[in-house]
PDB file of N, CA and C in Angstrom:
ATOM      1  N   UNK A   1     101.044  88.351  71.981  1.00  0.00           N
ATOM      2  CA  UNK A   1     101.257  87.385  73.032  1.00  0.00           C
ATOM      3  C   UNK A   1     100.494  86.119  72.683  1.00  0.00           C
ATOM      4  N   UNK A   2     101.128  84.956  72.786  1.00  0.00           N
ATOM      5  CA  UNK A   2     100.483  83.697  72.438  1.00  0.00           C
ATOM      6  C   UNK A   2      99.619  83.216  73.595  1.00  0.00           C
ATOM      7  N   UNK A   3      98.745  82.277  73.312  1.00  0.00           N
ATOM      8  CA  UNK A   3      97.864  81.732  74.337  1.00  0.00           C
ATOM      9  C   UNK A   3      98.626  81.070  75.462  1.00  0.00           C
ATOM     10  N   UNK A   4      99.796  80.448  75.135  1.00  0.00           N
ATOM     11  CA  UNK A   4     100.611  79.810  76.169  1.00  0.00           C
ATOM     12  C   UNK A   4     101.157  80.803  77.171  1.00  0.00           C
ATOM     13  N   UNK A   5     101.496  82.014  76.688  1.00  0.00           N
ATOM     14  CA  UNK A   5     102.005  83.043  77.591  1.00  0.00           C
ATOM     15  C   UNK A   5     100.951  83.443  78.604  1.00  0.00           C
ATOM     16  N   UNK A   6      99.718  83.587  78.142  1.00  0.00           N
ATOM     17  CA  UNK A   6      98.631  83.982  79.039  1.00  0.00           C
ATOM     18  C   UNK A   6      98.381  82.887  80.072  1.00  0.00           C
ATOM     19  N   UNK A   7      98.338  81.644  79.641  1.00  0.00           N
ATOM     20  CA  UNK A   7      98.078  80.536  80.564  1.00  0.00           C
ATOM     21  C   UNK A   7      99.199  80.433  81.590  1.00  0.00           C
ATOM     22  N   UNK A   8     100.442  80.563  81.158  1.00  0.00           N
ATOM     23  CA  UNK A   8     101.567  80.500  82.083  1.00  0.00           C
ATOM     24  C   UNK A   8     101.521  81.610  83.103  1.00  0.00           C
ATOM     25  N   UNK A   9     101.086  82.772  82.692  1.00  0.00           N
ATOM     26  CA  UNK A   9     101.002  83.929  83.574  1.00  0.00           C
ATOM     27  C   UNK A   9      99.952  83.717  84.656  1.00  0.00           C
ATOM     28  N   UNK A  10      98.857  83.015  84.331  1.00  0.00           N
ATOM     29  CA  UNK A  10      97.809  82.776  85.314  1.00  0.00           C
ATOM     30  C   UNK A  10      98.257  81.792  86.388  1.00  0.00           C
ATOM     31  N   UNK A  11      99.115  80.863  86.055  1.00  0.00           N
ATOM     32  CA  UNK A  11      99.562  79.856  87.002  1.00  0.00           C
ATOM     33  C   UNK A  11     100.696  80.377  87.872  1.00  0.00           C
ATOM     34  N   UNK A  12     101.547  81.192  87.324  1.00  0.00           N
ATOM     35  CA  UNK A  12     102.776  81.597  87.994  1.00  0.00           C
ATOM     36  C   UNK A  12     102.594  82.172  89.397  1.00  0.00           C
ATOM     37  N   UNK A  13     101.739  83.179  89.603  1.00  0.00           N
ATOM     38  CA  UNK A  13     101.612  83.717  90.974  1.00  0.00           C
ATOM     39  C   UNK A  13     101.209  82.661  92.000  1.00  0.00           C
ATOM     40  N   UNK A  14     100.343  81.739  91.609  1.00  0.00           N
ATOM     41  CA  UNK A  14      99.914  80.686  92.513  1.00  0.00           C
ATOM     42  C   UNK A  14     101.095  79.815  92.915  1.00  0.00           C
ATOM     43  N   UNK A  15     101.954  79.499  91.962  1.00  0.00           N
ATOM     44  CA  UNK A  15     103.094  78.640  92.273  1.00  0.00           C
ATOM     45  C   UNK A  15     104.144  79.380  93.094  1.00  0.00           C
ATOM     46  N   UNK A  16     104.273  80.682  92.894  1.00  0.00           N
ATOM     47  CA  UNK A  16     105.255  81.463  93.651  1.00  0.00           C
ATOM     48  C   UNK A  16     104.950  81.496  95.140  1.00  0.00           C
ATOM     49  N   UNK A  17     103.685  81.430  95.478  1.00  0.00           N
ATOM     50  CA  UNK A  17     103.285  81.515  96.885  1.00  0.00           C
ATOM     51  C   UNK A  17     103.007  80.148  97.493  1.00  0.00           C
ATOM     52  N   UNK A  18     103.230  79.087  96.729  1.00  0.00           N
ATOM     53  CA  UNK A  18     102.939  77.747  97.239  1.00  0.00           C
ATOM     54  C   UNK A  18     101.463  77.555  97.512  1.00  0.00           C
ATOM     55  N   UNK A  19     100.626  78.265  96.764  1.00  0.00           N
ATOM     56  CA  UNK A  19      99.187  78.143  96.932  1.00  0.00           C
ATOM     57  C   UNK A  19      98.594  79.048  98.006  1.00  0.00           C
ATOM     58  N   UNK A  20      99.443  79.756  98.728  1.00  0.00           N
ATOM     59  CA  UNK A  20      98.931  80.648  99.777  1.00  0.00           C
ATOM     60  C   UNK A  20      98.295  81.883  99.153  1.00  0.00           C
ATOM     61  N   UNK A  21      97.219  82.342  99.741  1.00  0.00           N
ATOM     62  CA  UNK A  21      96.539  83.534  99.227  1.00  0.00           C
ATOM     63  C   UNK A  21      96.565  84.700 100.203  1.00  0.00           C
ATOM     64  N   UNK A  22      97.032  84.454 101.411  1.00  0.00           N
ATOM     65  CA  UNK A  22      97.092  85.511 102.424  1.00  0.00           C
ATOM     66  C   UNK A  22      98.494  85.573 103.026  1.00  0.00           C
ATOM     67  N   UNK A  23      98.975  86.797 103.290  1.00  0.00           N
ATOM     68  CA  UNK A  23     100.292  86.928 103.922  1.00  0.00           C
ATOM     69  C   UNK A  23     100.240  86.442 105.366  1.00  0.00           C
ATOM     70  N   UNK A  24     101.379  86.013 105.861  1.00  0.00           N
ATOM     71  CA  UNK A  24     101.452  85.520 107.237  1.00  0.00           C
ATOM     72  C   UNK A  24     101.609  86.651 108.242  1.00  0.00           C
ATOM     73  N   UNK A  25     101.853  87.870 107.740  1.00  0.00           N
ATOM     74  CA  UNK A  25     102.058  89.030 108.606  1.00  0.00           C
ATOM     75  C   UNK A  25     101.316  90.227 108.022  1.00  0.00           C
ATOM     76  N   UNK A  26     101.156  91.256 108.842  1.00  0.00           N
ATOM     77  CA  UNK A  26     100.483  92.478 108.391  1.00  0.00           C
ATOM     78  C   UNK A  26     101.450  93.659 108.361  1.00  0.00           C
ATOM     79  N   UNK A  27     102.738  93.393 108.138  1.00  0.00           N
ATOM     80  CA  UNK A  27     103.763  94.439 108.175  1.00  0.00           C
ATOM     81  C   UNK A  27     103.795  95.319 106.923  1.00  0.00           C
ATOM     82  N   UNK A  28     103.152  94.921 105.861  1.00  0.00           N
ATOM     83  CA  UNK A  28     103.371  95.557 104.569  1.00  0.00           C
ATOM     84  C   UNK A  28     102.180  96.372 104.086  1.00  0.00           C
ATOM     85  N   UNK A  29     102.481  97.609 103.657  1.00  0.00           N
ATOM     86  CA  UNK A  29     101.536  98.446 102.930  1.00  0.00           C
ATOM     87  C   UNK A  29     102.186  98.749 101.584  1.00  0.00           C
ATOM     88  N   UNK A  30     101.510  99.451 100.726  1.00  0.00           N
ATOM     89  CA  UNK A  30     102.079  99.791  99.421  1.00  0.00           C
ATOM     90  C   UNK A  30     103.331 100.644  99.534  1.00  0.00           C
ATOM     91  N   UNK A  31     103.421 101.444 100.599  1.00  0.00           N
ATOM     92  CA  UNK A  31     104.558 102.354 100.717  1.00  0.00           C
ATOM     93  C   UNK A  31     105.565 101.927 101.790  1.00  0.00           C
ATOM     94  N   UNK A  32     105.421 100.703 102.302  1.00  0.00           N
ATOM     95  CA  UNK A  32     106.428 100.155 103.206  1.00  0.00           C
ATOM     96  C   UNK A  32     107.726 100.003 102.430  1.00  0.00           C
ATOM     97  N   UNK A  33     108.839 100.377 103.039  1.00  0.00           N
ATOM     98  CA  UNK A  33     110.143 100.278 102.394  1.00  0.00           C
ATOM     99  C   UNK A  33     110.821  98.978 102.806  1.00  0.00           C
ATOM    100  N   UNK A  34     111.365  98.281 101.812  1.00  0.00           N
ATOM    101  CA  UNK A  34     112.026  96.996 102.030  1.00  0.00           C
ATOM    102  C   UNK A  34     113.490  97.120 101.617  1.00  0.00           C
ATOM    103  N   UNK A  35     114.389  96.577 102.436  1.00  0.00           N
ATOM    104  CA  UNK A  35     115.816  96.584 102.143  1.00  0.00           C
ATOM    105  C   UNK A  35     116.392  95.212 102.456  1.00  0.00           C
ATOM    106  N   UNK A  36     117.288  94.745 101.601  1.00  0.00           N
ATOM    107  CA  UNK A  36     117.977  93.473 101.829  1.00  0.00           C
ATOM    108  C   UNK A  36     118.920  93.607 103.012  1.00  0.00           C
ATOM    109  N   UNK A  37     118.944  92.603 103.872  1.00  0.00           N
ATOM    110  CA  UNK A  37     119.840  92.566 105.022  1.00  0.00           C
ATOM    111  C   UNK A  37     121.206  92.076 104.548  1.00  0.00           C
ATOM    112  N   UNK A  38     122.240  92.797 104.936  1.00  0.00           N
ATOM    113  CA  UNK A  38     123.614  92.384 104.620  1.00  0.00           C
ATOM    114  C   UNK A  38     124.409  92.290 105.907  1.00  0.00           C
ATOM    115  N   UNK A  39     125.133  91.242 106.119  1.00  0.00           N
ATOM    116  CA  UNK A  39     125.211  90.044 105.289  1.00  0.00           C
ATOM    117  C   UNK A  39     123.974  89.182 105.482  1.00  0.00           C
ATOM    118  N   UNK A  40     123.694  88.357 104.498  1.00  0.00           N
ATOM    119  CA  UNK A  40     122.547  87.455 104.565  1.00  0.00           C
ATOM    120  C   UNK A  40     122.783  86.406 105.645  1.00  0.00           C
ATOM    121  N   UNK A  41     121.717  85.982 106.330  1.00  0.00           N
ATOM    122  CA  UNK A  41     121.860  84.963 107.373  1.00  0.00           C
ATOM    123  C   UNK A  41     122.422  83.658 106.787  1.00  0.00           C
ATOM    124  N   UNK A  42     123.372  83.079 107.463  1.00  0.00           N
ATOM    125  CA  UNK A  42     124.012  81.845 106.986  1.00  0.00           C
ATOM    126  C   UNK A  42     123.062  80.667 107.101  1.00  0.00           C
ATOM    127  N   UNK A  43     122.293  80.619 108.182  1.00  0.00           N
ATOM    128  CA  UNK A  43     121.432  79.464 108.443  1.00  0.00           C
ATOM    129  C   UNK A  43     120.157  79.440 107.603  1.00  0.00           C
ATOM    130  N   UNK A  44     119.872  80.492 106.871  1.00  0.00           N
ATOM    131  CA  UNK A  44     118.644  80.551 106.070  1.00  0.00           C
ATOM    132  C   UNK A  44     118.741  79.611 104.877  1.00  0.00           C
ATOM    133  N   UNK A  45     117.610  79.029 104.513  1.00  0.00           N
ATOM    134  CA  UNK A  45     117.552  78.135 103.351  1.00  0.00           C
ATOM    135  C   UNK A  45     117.837  78.921 102.078  1.00  0.00           C
ATOM    136  N   UNK A  46     118.285  78.230 101.054  1.00  0.00           N
ATOM    137  CA  UNK A  46     118.577  78.870  99.771  1.00  0.00           C
ATOM    138  C   UNK A  46     117.273  79.431  99.192  1.00  0.00           C
ATOM    139  N   UNK A  47     117.276  80.714  98.812  1.00  0.00           N
ATOM    140  CA  UNK A  47     116.042  81.313  98.308  1.00  0.00           C
ATOM    141  C   UNK A  47     115.680  80.821  96.903  1.00  0.00           C
ATOM    142  N   UNK A  48     114.396  80.867  96.593  1.00  0.00           N
ATOM    143  CA  UNK A  48     113.914  80.549  95.250  1.00  0.00           C
ATOM    144  C   UNK A  48     114.346  81.667  94.306  1.00  0.00           C
ATOM    145  N   UNK A  49     114.326  81.434  92.989  1.00  0.00           N
ATOM    146  CA  UNK A  49     114.755  82.469  92.037  1.00  0.00           C
ATOM    147  C   UNK A  49     114.018  83.805  92.196  1.00  0.00           C
ATOM    148  N   UNK A  50     112.719  83.766  92.449  1.00  0.00           N
ATOM    149  CA  UNK A  50     111.971  85.015  92.601  1.00  0.00           C
ATOM    150  C   UNK A  50     112.369  85.741  93.880  1.00  0.00           C
ATOM    151  N   UNK A  51     112.658  84.988  94.924  1.00  0.00           N
ATOM    152  CA  UNK A  51     113.134  85.602  96.159  1.00  0.00           C
ATOM    153  C   UNK A  51     114.494  86.260  95.919  1.00  0.00           C
ATOM    154  N   UNK A  52     115.332  85.611  95.134  1.00  0.00           N
ATOM    155  CA  UNK A  52     116.645  86.170  94.809  1.00  0.00           C
ATOM    156  C   UNK A  52     116.497  87.470  94.035  1.00  0.00           C
ATOM    157  N   UNK A  53     115.534  87.530  93.119  1.00  0.00           N
ATOM    158  CA  UNK A  53     115.272  88.779  92.383  1.00  0.00           C
ATOM    159  C   UNK A  53     114.868  89.888  93.340  1.00  0.00           C
ATOM    160  N   UNK A  54     114.012  89.566  94.296  1.00  0.00           N
ATOM    161  CA  UNK A  54     113.579  90.562  95.284  1.00  0.00           C
ATOM    162  C   UNK A  54     114.797  91.056  96.068  1.00  0.00           C
ATOM    163  N   UNK A  55     115.639  90.145  96.501  1.00  0.00           N
ATOM    164  CA  UNK A  55     116.821  90.519  97.285  1.00  0.00           C
ATOM    165  C   UNK A  55     117.740  91.435  96.476  1.00  0.00           C
ATOM    166  N   UNK A  56     117.904  91.153  95.190  1.00  0.00           N
ATOM    167  CA  UNK A  56     118.738  92.018  94.338  1.00  0.00           C
ATOM    168  C   UNK A  56     118.114  93.396  94.188  1.00  0.00           C
ATOM    169  N   UNK A  57     116.808  93.441  93.914  1.00  0.00           N
ATOM    170  CA  UNK A  57     116.130  94.726  93.725  1.00  0.00           C
ATOM    171  C   UNK A  57     116.140  95.567  94.994  1.00  0.00           C
ATOM    172  N   UNK A  58     116.114  94.911  96.140  1.00  0.00           N
ATOM    173  CA  UNK A  58     116.028  95.631  97.415  1.00  0.00           C
ATOM    174  C   UNK A  58     117.400  95.893  98.037  1.00  0.00           C
ATOM    175  N   UNK A  59     118.454  95.824  97.233  1.00  0.00           N
ATOM    176  CA  UNK A  59     119.766  96.176  97.766  1.00  0.00           C
ATOM    177  C   UNK A  59     119.773  97.646  98.186  1.00  0.00           C
ATOM    178  N   UNK A  60     118.940  98.442  97.556  1.00  0.00           N
ATOM    179  CA  UNK A  60     118.639  99.813  97.967  1.00  0.00           C
ATOM    180  C   UNK A  60     117.185  99.830  98.420  1.00  0.00           C
ATOM    181  N   UNK A  61     116.808 100.669  99.381  1.00  0.00           N
ATOM    182  CA  UNK A  61     115.412 100.691  99.849  1.00  0.00           C
ATOM    183  C   UNK A  61     114.432 100.872  98.697  1.00  0.00           C
ATOM    184  N   UNK A  62     113.368 100.066  98.736  1.00  0.00           N
ATOM    185  CA  UNK A  62     112.368 100.080  97.668  1.00  0.00           C
ATOM    186  C   UNK A  62     110.988  99.871  98.280  1.00  0.00           C
ATOM    187  N   UNK A  63     110.009 100.650  97.829  1.00  0.00           N
ATOM    188  CA  UNK A  63     108.637 100.515  98.320  1.00  0.00           C
ATOM    189  C   UNK A  63     108.003  99.256  97.740  1.00  0.00           C
ATOM    190  N   UNK A  64     107.088  98.664  98.476  1.00  0.00           N
ATOM    191  CA  UNK A  64     106.407  97.444  98.059  1.00  0.00           C
ATOM    192  C   UNK A  64     105.737  97.635  96.696  1.00  0.00           C
ATOM    193  N   UNK A  65     105.066  98.761  96.487  1.00  0.00           N
ATOM    194  CA  UNK A  65     104.381  99.005  95.211  1.00  0.00           C
ATOM    195  C   UNK A  65     105.373  99.044  94.053  1.00  0.00           C
ATOM    196  N   UNK A  66     106.511  99.688  94.252  1.00  0.00           N
ATOM    197  CA  UNK A  66     107.541  99.760  93.212  1.00  0.00           C
ATOM    198  C   UNK A  66     108.126  98.378  92.941  1.00  0.00           C
ATOM    199  N   UNK A  67     108.326  97.610  93.975  1.00  0.00           N
ATOM    200  CA  UNK A  67     108.855  96.260  93.829  1.00  0.00           C
ATOM    201  C   UNK A  67     107.896  95.399  93.003  1.00  0.00           C
ATOM    202  N   UNK A  68     106.610  95.463  93.313  1.00  0.00           N
ATOM    203  CA  UNK A  68     105.616  94.695  92.556  1.00  0.00           C
ATOM    204  C   UNK A  68     105.609  95.119  91.090  1.00  0.00           C
ATOM    205  N   UNK A  69     105.745  96.417  90.838  1.00  0.00           N
ATOM    206  CA  UNK A  69     105.764  96.900  89.457  1.00  0.00           C
ATOM    207  C   UNK A  69     106.998  96.385  88.721  1.00  0.00           C
ATOM    208  N   UNK A  70     108.137  96.417  89.377  1.00  0.00           N
ATOM    209  CA  UNK A  70     109.372  95.948  88.722  1.00  0.00           C
ATOM    210  C   UNK A  70     109.358  94.442  88.482  1.00  0.00           C
ATOM    211  N   UNK A  71     108.706  93.700  89.365  1.00  0.00           N
ATOM    212  CA  UNK A  71     108.604  92.256  89.199  1.00  0.00           C
ATOM    213  C   UNK A  71     107.469  91.871  88.252  1.00  0.00           C
ATOM    214  N   UNK A  72     106.587  92.828  87.957  1.00  0.00           N
ATOM    215  CA  UNK A  72     105.404  92.588  87.128  1.00  0.00           C
ATOM    216  C   UNK A  72     104.535  91.487  87.736  1.00  0.00           C
ATOM    217  N   UNK A  73     104.317  91.612  89.043  1.00  0.00           N
ATOM    218  CA  UNK A  73     103.499  90.664  89.788  1.00  0.00           C
ATOM    219  C   UNK A  73     102.473  91.427  90.624  1.00  0.00           C
ATOM    220  N   UNK A  74     101.349  90.781  90.950  1.00  0.00           N
ATOM    221  CA  UNK A  74     100.378  91.426  91.836  1.00  0.00           C
ATOM    222  C   UNK A  74     100.988  91.720  93.207  1.00  0.00           C
ATOM    223  N   UNK A  75     100.599  92.817  93.794  1.00  0.00           N
ATOM    224  CA  UNK A  75     101.114  93.212  95.112  1.00  0.00           C
ATOM    225  C   UNK A  75     100.863  92.103  96.135  1.00  0.00           C
ATOM    226  N   UNK A  76      99.707  91.470  96.077  1.00  0.00           N
ATOM    227  CA  UNK A  76      99.379  90.424  97.053  1.00  0.00           C
ATOM    228  C   UNK A  76     100.382  89.275  96.996  1.00  0.00           C
ATOM    229  N   UNK A  77     100.839  88.914  95.818  1.00  0.00           N
ATOM    230  CA  UNK A  77     101.819  87.844  95.663  1.00  0.00           C
ATOM    231  C   UNK A  77     103.173  88.293  96.206  1.00  0.00           C
ATOM    232  N   UNK A  78     103.561  89.513  95.890  1.00  0.00           N
ATOM    233  CA  UNK A  78     104.839  90.046  96.361  1.00  0.00           C
ATOM    234  C   UNK A  78     104.844  90.121  97.884  1.00  0.00           C
ATOM    235  N   UNK A  79     103.747  90.522  98.489  1.00  0.00           N
ATOM    236  CA  UNK A  79     103.683  90.622  99.956  1.00  0.00           C
ATOM    237  C   UNK A  79     103.858  89.244 100.596  1.00  0.00           C
ATOM    238  N   UNK A  80     103.280  88.215 100.020  1.00  0.00           N
ATOM    239  CA  UNK A  80     103.448  86.864 100.568  1.00  0.00           C
ATOM    240  C   UNK A  80     104.915  86.453 100.496  1.00  0.00           C
ATOM    241  N   UNK A  81     105.576  86.751  99.372  1.00  0.00           N
ATOM    242  CA  UNK A  81     106.998  86.422  99.246  1.00  0.00           C
ATOM    243  C   UNK A  81     107.845  87.261 100.205  1.00  0.00           C
ATOM    244  N   UNK A  82     107.467  88.517 100.411  1.00  0.00           N
ATOM    245  CA  UNK A  82     108.184  89.369 101.366  1.00  0.00           C
ATOM    246  C   UNK A  82     108.051  88.836 102.791  1.00  0.00           C
ATOM    247  N   UNK A  83     106.890  88.306 103.123  1.00  0.00           N
ATOM    248  CA  UNK A  83     106.703  87.699 104.445  1.00  0.00           C
ATOM    249  C   UNK A  83     107.690  86.552 104.642  1.00  0.00           C
ATOM    250  N   UNK A  84     107.858  85.723 103.604  1.00  0.00           N
ATOM    251  CA  UNK A  84     108.815  84.619 103.682  1.00  0.00           C
ATOM    252  C   UNK A  84     110.220  85.146 103.947  1.00  0.00           C
ATOM    253  N   UNK A  85     110.612  86.188 103.204  1.00  0.00           N
ATOM    254  CA  UNK A  85     111.959  86.747 103.339  1.00  0.00           C
ATOM    255  C   UNK A  85     112.165  87.417 104.693  1.00  0.00           C
ATOM    256  N   UNK A  86     111.130  88.094 105.189  1.00  0.00           N
ATOM    257  CA  UNK A  86     111.224  88.745 106.499  1.00  0.00           C
ATOM    258  C   UNK A  86     111.368  87.700 107.605  1.00  0.00           C
ATOM    259  N   UNK A  87     110.585  86.648 107.532  1.00  0.00           N
ATOM    260  CA  UNK A  87     110.645  85.598 108.546  1.00  0.00           C
ATOM    261  C   UNK A  87     111.981  84.846 108.502  1.00  0.00           C
ATOM    262  N   UNK A  88     112.637  84.817 107.335  1.00  0.00           N
ATOM    263  CA  UNK A  88     113.948  84.178 107.202  1.00  0.00           C
ATOM    264  C   UNK A  88     115.086  85.124 107.586  1.00  0.00           C
ATOM    265  N   UNK A  89     114.749  86.377 107.922  1.00  0.00           N
ATOM    266  CA  UNK A  89     115.769  87.347 108.312  1.00  0.00           C
ATOM    267  C   UNK A  89     116.563  87.907 107.148  1.00  0.00           C
ATOM    268  N   UNK A  90     116.022  87.818 105.927  1.00  0.00           N
ATOM    269  CA  UNK A  90     116.740  88.252 104.730  1.00  0.00           C
ATOM    270  C   UNK A  90     116.467  89.702 104.337  1.00  0.00           C
ATOM    271  N   UNK A  91     115.378  90.291 104.864  1.00  0.00           N
ATOM    272  CA  UNK A  91     115.053  91.683 104.554  1.00  0.00           C
ATOM    273  C   UNK A  91     114.723  92.439 105.831  1.00  0.00           C
ATOM    274  N   UNK A  92     114.863  93.756 105.744  1.00  0.00           N
ATOM    275  CA  UNK A  92     114.425  94.649 106.821  1.00  0.00           C
ATOM    276  C   UNK A  92     113.274  95.470 106.269  1.00  0.00           C
ATOM    277  N   UNK A  93     112.319  95.762 107.114  1.00  0.00           N
ATOM    278  CA  UNK A  93     111.115  96.485 106.711  1.00  0.00           C
ATOM    279  C   UNK A  93     111.037  97.783 107.488  1.00  0.00           C
ATOM    280  N   UNK A  94     110.731  98.838 106.774  1.00  0.00           N
ATOM    281  CA  UNK A  94     110.566 100.141 107.435  1.00  0.00           C
ATOM    282  C   UNK A  94     109.177 100.671 107.101  1.00  0.00           C
ATOM    283  N   UNK A  95     108.318 100.794 108.110  1.00  0.00           N
ATOM    284  CA  UNK A  95     106.966 101.298 107.848  1.00  0.00           C
ATOM    285  C   UNK A  95     107.004 102.756 107.418  1.00  0.00           C
ATOM    286  N   UNK A  96     105.954 103.197 106.746  1.00  0.00           N
ATOM    287  CA  UNK A  96     105.910 104.608 106.332  1.00  0.00           C
ATOM    288  C   UNK A  96     105.856 105.527 107.537  1.00  0.00           C
ATOM    289  N   UNK A  97     106.411 106.722 107.373  1.00  0.00           N
ATOM    290  CA  UNK A  97     106.350 107.724 108.433  1.00  0.00           C
ATOM    291  C   UNK A  97     104.950 108.311 108.475  1.00  0.00           C
ATOM    292  N   UNK A  98     104.420 108.422 109.676  1.00  0.00           N
ATOM    293  CA  UNK A  98     103.109 109.040 109.839  1.00  0.00           C
ATOM    294  C   UNK A  98     103.302 110.522 110.110  1.00  0.00           C
ATOM    295  N   UNK A  99     102.645 111.327 109.325  1.00  0.00           N
ATOM    296  CA  UNK A  99     102.736 112.768 109.495  1.00  0.00           C
ATOM    297  C   UNK A  99     101.600 113.195 110.409  1.00  0.00           C
ATOM    298  N   UNK A 100     101.967 113.827 111.502  1.00  0.00           N
ATOM    299  CA  UNK A 100     100.940 114.320 112.422  1.00  0.00           C
ATOM    300  C   UNK A 100     100.940 115.837 112.335  1.00  0.00           C
ATOM    301  N   UNK A 101     100.059 116.321 111.552  1.00  0.00           N
ATOM    302  CA  UNK A 101      99.968 117.757 111.336  1.00  0.00           C
ATOM    303  C   UNK A 101      98.517 118.159 111.617  1.00  0.00           C
ATOM    304  N   UNK A 102      98.350 119.112 112.477  1.00  0.00           N
ATOM    305  CA  UNK A 102      96.988 119.505 112.835  1.00  0.00           C
ATOM    306  C   UNK A 102      96.427 120.547 111.877  1.00  0.00           C
ATOM    307  N   UNK A 103      97.306 121.336 111.264  1.00  0.00           N
ATOM    308  CA  UNK A 103      96.830 122.338 110.305  1.00  0.00           C
ATOM    309  C   UNK A 103      97.463 122.057 108.946  1.00  0.00           C
ATOM    310  N   UNK A 104      96.726 122.318 107.872  1.00  0.00           N
ATOM    311  CA  UNK A 104      97.285 122.054 106.550  1.00  0.00           C
ATOM    312  C   UNK A 104      98.438 123.004 106.243  1.00  0.00           C
ATOM    313  N   UNK A 105      99.384 122.532 105.436  1.00  0.00           N
ATOM    314  CA  UNK A 105     100.513 123.347 104.993  1.00  0.00           C
ATOM    315  C   UNK A 105     100.004 124.229 103.858  1.00  0.00           C
ATOM    316  N   UNK A 106      99.688 125.470 104.179  1.00  0.00           N
ATOM    317  CA  UNK A 106      99.080 126.371 103.198  1.00  0.00           C
ATOM    318  C   UNK A 106     100.014 126.669 102.028  1.00  0.00           C
ATOM    319  N   UNK A 107     101.308 126.734 102.289  1.00  0.00           N
ATOM    320  CA  UNK A 107     102.264 126.977 101.212  1.00  0.00           C
ATOM    321  C   UNK A 107     102.246 125.816 100.208  1.00  0.00           C
ATOM    322  N   UNK A 108     102.216 124.597 100.727  1.00  0.00           N
ATOM    323  CA  UNK A 108     102.165 123.422  99.857  1.00  0.00           C
ATOM    324  C   UNK A 108     100.856 123.395  99.066  1.00  0.00           C
ATOM    325  N   UNK A 109      99.755 123.675  99.732  1.00  0.00           N
ATOM    326  CA  UNK A 109      98.462 123.695  99.038  1.00  0.00           C
ATOM    327  C   UNK A 109      98.437 124.755  97.936  1.00  0.00           C
ATOM    328  N   UNK A 110      99.036 125.910  98.189  1.00  0.00           N
ATOM    329  CA  UNK A 110      99.115 126.973  97.175  1.00  0.00           C
ATOM    330  C   UNK A 110      99.923 126.509  95.970  1.00  0.00           C
ATOM    331  N   UNK A 111     101.048 125.828  96.207  1.00  0.00           N
ATOM    332  CA  UNK A 111     101.878 125.322  95.122  1.00  0.00           C
ATOM    333  C   UNK A 111     101.138 124.276  94.301  1.00  0.00           C
ATOM    334  N   UNK A 112     100.397 123.405  94.968  1.00  0.00           N
ATOM    335  CA  UNK A 112      99.606 122.397  94.258  1.00  0.00           C
ATOM    336  C   UNK A 112      98.544 123.075  93.407  1.00  0.00           C
ATOM    337  N   UNK A 113      97.855 124.045  93.976  1.00  0.00           N
ATOM    338  CA  UNK A 113      96.808 124.773  93.233  1.00  0.00           C
ATOM    339  C   UNK A 113      97.403 125.478  92.011  1.00  0.00           C
ATOM    340  N   UNK A 114      98.559 126.124  92.208  1.00  0.00           N
ATOM    341  CA  UNK A 114      99.206 126.812  91.092  1.00  0.00           C
ATOM    342  C   UNK A 114      99.631 125.830  90.014  1.00  0.00           C
ATOM    343  N   UNK A 115     100.160 124.683  90.429  1.00  0.00           N
ATOM    344  CA  UNK A 115     100.576 123.651  89.460  1.00  0.00           C
ATOM    345  C   UNK A 115      99.407 123.109  88.686  1.00  0.00           C
ATOM    346  N   UNK A 116      98.294 122.860  89.361  1.00  0.00           N
ATOM    347  CA  UNK A 116      97.092 122.377  88.677  1.00  0.00           C
ATOM    348  C   UNK A 116      96.537 123.434  87.726  1.00  0.00           C
ATOM    349  N   UNK A 117      96.656 124.697  88.119  1.00  0.00           N
ATOM    350  CA  UNK A 117      96.180 125.780  87.249  1.00  0.00           C
ATOM    351  C   UNK A 117      96.975 125.878  85.957  1.00  0.00           C
ATOM    352  N   UNK A 118      98.241 125.477  85.996  1.00  0.00           N
ATOM    353  CA  UNK A 118      99.072 125.522  84.808  1.00  0.00           C
ATOM    354  C   UNK A 118      98.816 124.363  83.854  1.00  0.00           C
ATOM    355  N   UNK A 119      98.118 123.357  84.298  1.00  0.00           N
ATOM    356  CA  UNK A 119      97.833 122.197  83.430  1.00  0.00           C
ATOM    357  C   UNK A 119      96.866 122.475  82.330  1.00  0.00           C
TER     358      UNK A 119
END
C-alpha cells in the first residue's frame, strides 16, 4: 500500500460524515438490523455514493456490524450515515430481540461445552 492510500483512508471517514463525530440518534447497536425501504421516498434528496452503497447492501436485512465490515469503514462512521438515511426515510431499523430467560438453557450449555471439548 502506498503512502497516498494511507493518507486518503484517514481523510475519507471524516468527509463521509461531513465532519460529524456523533450520531444524531441512539437507534443503532452492532446487531441492529437495517433494511432499505421500498419504494424509496420521492421527496428525499439524492443520496451520496456511500449512502447508495448502503442502500444496495441493505436490500436484504443486514446487521450494522456486518454493514461496517462490508463497507470497510469504522462502525461509528457507518452509524452516522445510517442516521442520515433513517431521518430521510430511506431505511427501516429493527432493534435486536431481547431474550428474557430466567433460567439458563442447559441443553444449549451442554452443546457448547461438548463443542469446546472437541476443539
